[in-house]
Structure formats: structure tokens, C-alpha cells
Amino acid sequence: MTEFALVLPVLALILFAVLQFGIVFNNYVTLTDAARAGARRAAVSRQDPNRDSAVITAVKNSASDLDQSKLSVPPPSSTWDPGSDVTVTASYPYSISLLGLVVKSGSLTTKTTERVE
């Protein structure tokens, strides 16, 4: 019983760390998929006069699990010529905390490039 009482806090800390890492990884996967959806929208929106807002909307709609107020999506960068590349970037803040202490924080950033049609 005494050994279990000594080991339990360490096991609980490891468990909470794994859970926090899983949440951050899930946010990253969601963010990456949202950037891909935005890049696909940008690739087919060459002649759309509101293409920047359409791309940003596509990213935000695809990342509905994330807090929309913290999601940052700058306008896509491209020359918009057929066959040129369009790049969509998205970022989202993260924080890994264990027992109320912030161990690591920063920003998850992803970038997706597709060819303009």
C-alpha cells in the first residue's frame, strides 16, 4: 500500500501528460486538415472576386472543433495564374499544462500548397 501511494502521483502525472499531448495533437491534425480544405478552395477559386474571404471561410468551417476566435488565417499567397502555386497558412495557440502549471505553450502552424487550376 505504501509503495502504491508513492508511485500513484508519478503515474497520474504521466497519464495527464499523455492526455494533454493527445489534445494538442488532435488540434494539430484538425488545423492541418482545415488548411488543406482552404488550399483546395483556393486552387479552384482563381476567378472568384472574393477568393480570400472564401478561403478563410473554408478553413474556419473545416476547423469547427477549434475555438474560432483563436484561429488565425492570413489571406492566401499566390500570383493566381493558372498552374502557379497557392499557399494557405493557419495557426492556432496551444498550451500543455500539468496540475495547473503550464509546461509548454506556443503556436501550432501549418502550411499547405496546391496548384491553381
C-alpha atoms as a PDB file:
ATOM      1  CA  MET A   1       0.000   0.000   0.000  1.00  0.00           C
ATOM      2  CA  THR A   2       2.832   2.402   0.805  1.00  0.00           C
ATOM      3  CA  GLU A   3       4.583   1.737  -2.500  1.00  0.00           C
ATOM      4  CA  PHE A   4       1.352   2.376  -4.383  1.00  0.00           C
ATOM      5  CA  ALA A   5       0.897   5.675  -2.537  1.00  0.00           C
ATOM      6  CA  LEU A   6       4.417   6.703  -3.578  1.00  0.00           C
ATOM      7  CA  VAL A   7       4.030   5.658  -7.228  1.00  0.00           C
ATOM      8  CA  LEU A   8       0.467   6.928  -7.776  1.00  0.00           C
ATOM      9  CA  PRO A   9       1.378  10.635  -8.208  1.00  0.00           C
ATOM     10  CA  VAL A  10       4.012   9.786 -10.819  1.00  0.00           C
ATOM     11  CA  LEU A  11       1.583   7.557 -12.738  1.00  0.00           C
ATOM     12  CA  ALA A  12      -1.121  10.229 -12.567  1.00  0.00           C
ATOM     13  CA  LEU A  13       1.306  12.846 -13.878  1.00  0.00           C
ATOM     14  CA  ILE A  14       2.273  10.610 -16.812  1.00  0.00           C
ATOM     15  CA  LEU A  15      -1.399   9.944 -17.571  1.00  0.00           C
ATOM     16  CA  PHE A  16      -2.253  13.656 -17.585  1.00  0.00           C
ATOM     17  CA  ALA A  17       0.761  14.398 -19.792  1.00  0.00           C
ATOM     18  CA  VAL A  18      -0.375  11.807 -22.344  1.00  0.00           C
ATOM     19  CA  LEU A  19      -3.885  13.284 -22.326  1.00  0.00           C
ATOM     20  CA  GLN A  20      -2.594  16.832 -22.856  1.00  0.00           C
ATOM     21  CA  PHE A  21      -0.321  15.711 -25.689  1.00  0.00           C
ATOM     22  CA  GLY A  22      -3.275  13.913 -27.299  1.00  0.00           C
ATOM     23  CA  ILE A  23      -5.382  17.071 -27.193  1.00  0.00           C
ATOM     24  CA  VAL A  24      -2.605  19.146 -28.771  1.00  0.00           C
ATOM     25  CA  PHE A  25      -2.028  16.509 -31.462  1.00  0.00           C
ATOM     26  CA  ASN A  26      -5.758  16.404 -32.235  1.00  0.00           C
ATOM     27  CA  ASN A  27      -5.750  20.208 -32.625  1.00  0.00           C
ATOM     28  CA  TYR A  28      -2.780  19.958 -34.990  1.00  0.00           C
ATOM     29  CA  VAL A  29      -4.458  17.311 -37.150  1.00  0.00           C
ATOM     30  CA  THR A  30      -7.651  19.410 -37.296  1.00  0.00           C
ATOM     31  CA  LEU A  31      -5.648  22.510 -38.202  1.00  0.00           C
ATOM     32  CA  THR A  32      -3.736  20.670 -40.947  1.00  0.00           C
ATOM     33  CA  ASP A  33      -6.965  19.342 -42.457  1.00  0.00           C
ATOM     34  CA  ALA A  34      -8.511  22.816 -42.338  1.00  0.00           C
ATOM     35  CA  ALA A  35      -5.525  24.319 -44.174  1.00  0.00           C
ATOM     36  CA  ARG A  36      -5.818  21.569 -46.801  1.00  0.00           C
ATOM     37  CA  ALA A  37      -9.519  22.361 -47.281  1.00  0.00           C
ATOM     38  CA  GLY A  38      -8.694  26.050 -47.631  1.00  0.00           C
ATOM     39  CA  ALA A  39      -5.927  25.354 -50.143  1.00  0.00           C
ATOM     40  CA  ARG A  40      -8.280  23.212 -52.209  1.00  0.00           C
ATOM     41  CA  ARG A  41     -10.848  26.023 -52.160  1.00  0.00           C
ATOM     42  CA  ALA A  42      -8.152  28.497 -53.201  1.00  0.00           C
ATOM     43  CA  ALA A  43      -6.990  26.253 -56.047  1.00  0.00           C
ATOM     44  CA  VAL A  44     -10.422  26.351 -57.679  1.00  0.00           C
ATOM     45  CA  SER A  45     -11.275  29.993 -56.857  1.00  0.00           C
ATOM     46  CA  ARG A  46      -8.924  31.755 -59.247  1.00  0.00           C
ATOM     47  CA  GLN A  47     -11.660  33.864 -60.838  1.00  0.00           C
ATOM     48  CA  ASP A  48     -13.723  34.441 -57.688  1.00  0.00           C
ATOM     49  CA  PRO A  49     -13.589  38.156 -56.752  1.00  0.00           C
ATOM     50  CA  ASN A  50     -13.991  37.246 -53.038  1.00  0.00           C
ATOM     51  CA  ARG A  51     -11.491  34.378 -53.068  1.00  0.00           C
ATOM     52  CA  ASP A  52      -9.578  35.481 -49.969  1.00  0.00           C
ATOM     53  CA  SER A  53     -12.690  35.543 -47.785  1.00  0.00           C
ATOM     54  CA  ALA A  54     -13.917  32.279 -49.378  1.00  0.00           C
ATOM     55  CA  VAL A  55     -10.623  30.577 -48.480  1.00  0.00           C
ATOM     56  CA  ILE A  56     -10.634  31.901 -44.914  1.00  0.00           C
ATOM     57  CA  THR A  57     -14.252  30.788 -44.518  1.00  0.00           C
ATOM     58  CA  ALA A  58     -13.399  27.318 -45.850  1.00  0.00           C
ATOM     59  CA  VAL A  59     -10.568  26.976 -43.319  1.00  0.00           C
ATOM     60  CA  LYS A  60     -12.731  28.129 -40.421  1.00  0.00           C
ATOM     61  CA  ASN A  61     -15.638  25.886 -41.437  1.00  0.00           C
ATOM     62  CA  SER A  62     -13.331  22.883 -41.632  1.00  0.00           C
ATOM     63  CA  ALA A  63     -11.847  23.660 -38.207  1.00  0.00           C
ATOM     64  CA  SER A  64     -15.173  23.826 -36.399  1.00  0.00           C
ATOM     65  CA  ASP A  65     -13.739  21.884 -33.395  1.00  0.00           C
ATOM     66  CA  LEU A  66     -11.264  24.678 -32.658  1.00  0.00           C
ATOM     67  CA  ASP A  67     -12.012  27.982 -30.943  1.00  0.00           C
ATOM     68  CA  GLN A  68     -12.696  30.265 -33.925  1.00  0.00           C
ATOM     69  CA  SER A  69     -11.597  33.409 -32.064  1.00  0.00           C
ATOM     70  CA  LYS A  70      -8.088  31.963 -31.618  1.00  0.00           C
ATOM     71  CA  LEU A  71      -7.731  30.545 -35.144  1.00  0.00           C
ATOM     72  CA  SER A  72      -5.523  32.756 -37.323  1.00  0.00           C
ATOM     73  CA  VAL A  73      -5.756  32.505 -41.116  1.00  0.00           C
ATOM     74  CA  PRO A  74      -3.984  35.156 -43.206  1.00  0.00           C
ATOM     75  CA  PRO A  75      -5.082  35.628 -46.839  1.00  0.00           C
ATOM     76  CA  PRO A  76      -3.569  33.029 -49.196  1.00  0.00           C
ATOM     77  CA  SER A  77      -0.467  33.956 -51.152  1.00  0.00           C
ATOM     78  CA  SER A  78      -0.346  33.383 -54.894  1.00  0.00           C
ATOM     79  CA  THR A  79       0.010  35.103 -58.251  1.00  0.00           C
ATOM     80  CA  TRP A  80      -3.299  33.410 -59.192  1.00  0.00           C
ATOM     81  CA  ASP A  81      -2.016  32.490 -62.651  1.00  0.00           C
ATOM     82  CA  PRO A  82      -3.169  29.066 -63.877  1.00  0.00           C
ATOM     83  CA  GLY A  83      -0.577  26.480 -62.877  1.00  0.00           C
ATOM     84  CA  SER A  84       1.011  28.631 -60.177  1.00  0.00           C
ATOM     85  CA  ASP A  85       1.053  27.614 -56.518  1.00  0.00           C
ATOM     86  CA  VAL A  86      -1.260  28.946 -53.840  1.00  0.00           C
ATOM     87  CA  THR A  87      -0.235  28.643 -50.187  1.00  0.00           C
ATOM     88  CA  VAL A  88      -2.660  28.675 -47.272  1.00  0.00           C
ATOM     89  CA  THR A  89      -1.298  29.082 -43.757  1.00  0.00           C
ATOM     90  CA  ALA A  90      -3.183  28.628 -40.488  1.00  0.00           C
ATOM     91  CA  SER A  91      -2.094  28.860 -36.869  1.00  0.00           C
ATOM     92  CA  TYR A  92      -3.650  28.064 -33.515  1.00  0.00           C
ATOM     93  CA  PRO A  93      -2.255  28.550 -29.994  1.00  0.00           C
ATOM     94  CA  TYR A  94      -1.619  25.605 -27.689  1.00  0.00           C
ATOM     95  CA  SER A  95      -0.762  25.140 -24.055  1.00  0.00           C
ATOM     96  CA  ILE A  96       0.294  21.973 -22.266  1.00  0.00           C
ATOM     97  CA  SER A  97      -0.363  22.203 -18.553  1.00  0.00           C
ATOM     98  CA  LEU A  98       0.157  19.620 -15.842  1.00  0.00           C
ATOM     99  CA  LEU A  99      -1.531  20.059 -12.487  1.00  0.00           C
ATOM    100  CA  GLY A 100      -2.198  23.722 -13.222  1.00  0.00           C
ATOM    101  CA  LEU A 101       1.370  24.534 -14.283  1.00  0.00           C
ATOM    102  CA  VAL A 102       1.939  25.479 -17.916  1.00  0.00           C
ATOM    103  CA  VAL A 103       4.780  23.263 -19.093  1.00  0.00           C
ATOM    104  CA  LYS A 104       4.863  24.340 -22.733  1.00  0.00           C
ATOM    105  CA  SER A 105       2.911  26.809 -24.850  1.00  0.00           C
ATOM    106  CA  GLY A 106       3.212  28.255 -28.301  1.00  0.00           C
ATOM    107  CA  SER A 107       1.510  28.232 -31.654  1.00  0.00           C
ATOM    108  CA  LEU A 108       0.681  25.329 -33.943  1.00  0.00           C
ATOM    109  CA  THR A 109       1.280  26.425 -37.529  1.00  0.00           C
ATOM    110  CA  THR A 110       0.640  24.560 -40.738  1.00  0.00           C
ATOM    111  CA  LYS A 111       1.031  25.453 -44.385  1.00  0.00           C
ATOM    112  CA  THR A 112      -0.492  23.751 -47.441  1.00  0.00           C
ATOM    113  CA  THR A 113       0.366  24.433 -51.080  1.00  0.00           C
ATOM    114  CA  GLU A 114      -1.723  23.479 -54.091  1.00  0.00           C
ATOM    115  CA  ARG A 115      -1.626  24.324 -57.771  1.00  0.00           C
ATOM    116  CA  VAL A 116      -4.102  26.905 -59.077  1.00  0.00           C
ATOM    117  CA  GLU A 117      -6.470  25.463 -61.667  1.00  0.00           C
END
